[in-house]
Protein backbone atom coordinates (compact mmCIF):
# COMPACT_ATOMS: atom_id res chain seq x y z
CA MET A 1 -155.82 93.77 -6.84
CA ALA A 2 -157.73 91.54 -8.85
CA GLU A 3 -161.25 90.82 -7.15
CA ARG A 4 -161.40 87.44 -8.64
CA ILE A 5 -158.18 84.86 -9.54
CA THR A 6 -158.70 83.12 -12.75
CA GLY A 7 -155.68 81.30 -12.61
CA TYR A 8 -151.81 80.88 -11.04
CA ALA A 9 -148.24 80.01 -12.13
CA PHE A 10 -145.29 79.84 -10.12
CA SER A 11 -142.06 81.40 -11.55
CA SER A 12 -138.86 79.25 -11.59
CA ARG A 13 -137.14 81.12 -8.47
CA PHE A 14 -140.39 80.36 -6.83
CA GLN A 15 -139.95 76.53 -7.63
CA LYS A 16 -136.55 76.53 -6.53
CA GLU A 17 -137.06 78.14 -3.10
CA TYR A 18 -140.07 76.03 -2.58
CA LYS A 19 -137.82 72.91 -2.75
CA THR A 20 -135.54 73.94 -0.51
CA LEU A 21 -138.17 74.41 2.20
CA SER A 22 -138.97 71.79 5.00
CA LYS A 23 -141.93 69.64 4.42
CA ASP A 24 -143.73 71.39 7.09
CA ILE A 25 -143.47 74.66 5.50
CA GLN A 26 -144.34 73.10 2.28
CA GLU A 27 -147.44 71.40 3.74
CA ALA A 28 -148.02 75.03 5.42
CA PHE A 29 -147.83 76.76 2.07
CA GLU A 30 -150.36 74.09 0.45
CA LYS A 31 -152.72 74.96 3.06
CA LYS A 32 -152.42 78.86 2.62
CA LEU A 33 -152.61 78.23 -1.02
CA SER A 34 -155.91 76.80 -0.96
CA LEU A 35 -157.12 79.51 1.39
CA PHE A 36 -155.73 82.33 -0.95
CA LEU A 37 -157.58 80.50 -3.98
CA ASP A 38 -160.61 80.34 -2.24
CA ASN A 39 -160.56 84.04 -0.54
CA PHE A 40 -157.31 86.16 -0.77
CA HIS A 41 -158.59 88.69 1.58
CA HIS A 42 -158.77 85.99 4.22
CA PRO A 43 -157.16 87.52 7.78
CA SER A 44 -154.60 84.51 8.41
CA LEU A 45 -152.85 85.48 5.13
CA ARG A 46 -152.06 89.04 6.07
CA VAL A 47 -151.76 90.03 2.42
CA LYS A 48 -150.35 93.26 1.81
CA ARG A 49 -148.51 95.37 -0.73
CA ILE A 50 -144.80 95.37 -0.24
CA THR A 51 -143.56 98.67 0.89
CA GLY A 52 -141.89 100.78 -2.26
CA THR A 53 -143.60 98.50 -5.10
CA ILE A 54 -146.34 99.18 -7.32
CA ASP A 55 -147.65 95.53 -8.15
CA ARG A 56 -146.01 93.33 -5.72
CA TRP A 57 -147.61 91.80 -2.74
CA GLU A 58 -146.82 89.49 0.07
CA GLY A 59 -148.78 87.27 2.16
CA SER A 60 -147.76 84.96 5.33
CA VAL A 61 -147.36 81.07 5.52
CA THR A 62 -146.04 81.32 9.02
CA MET A 63 -145.03 83.97 11.22
CA ASN A 64 -141.43 83.60 9.84
CA TYR A 65 -142.59 82.47 6.27
CA ARG A 66 -143.82 84.82 3.49
CA PHE A 67 -144.58 84.43 -0.16
CA THR A 68 -144.70 87.23 -2.91
CA PHE A 69 -146.86 87.46 -6.10
CA GLN A 70 -148.35 89.81 -8.52
CA PHE A 71 -151.61 89.91 -10.39
CA GLU A 72 -151.56 89.73 -13.92
CA ALA A 73 -154.99 90.42 -15.60
CA GLY A 74 -157.09 88.29 -13.14
CA ARG A 75 -153.94 85.65 -12.94
CA VAL A 76 -151.45 85.46 -10.07
CA LEU A 77 -147.74 84.80 -10.65
CA PHE A 78 -146.16 83.57 -6.95
CA ARG A 79 -142.57 85.10 -7.17
CA ARG A 80 -140.66 84.09 -4.27
CA ILE A 81 -141.33 81.88 -1.19
CA GLY A 82 -139.10 82.05 2.14
CA THR A 83 -138.26 83.74 5.02
CA HIS A 84 -138.89 87.46 5.90
CA ASP A 85 -135.77 88.51 4.07
CA ILE A 86 -137.13 87.99 0.66
CA LEU A 87 -139.15 90.88 1.10
CA LYS A 88 -135.92 93.04 1.36
CA LYS A 89 -135.00 91.76 -2.11
CA GLU A 90 -138.63 92.36 -3.78
CA ASN A 91 -138.13 96.35 -3.44
């Protein structure tokens, strides 16, 4: 896991999934994104490696919504966003 984030990007899949979310969940993610970029170790994000993967991680938007990401040379690529079910597809 990177110690410092130098930039970030959203995959096309993330962007499509984000557009389908309710306004409330989008706003919750925006708050979590700000927190993530400031301190991705913050306990409310509940960041952890996705079981069965080497370089994929998950974080919490709410108790029911997650985002997945991976680090690439100090940058973060946000891969997916949605309900907890998206984690099954990341393995």
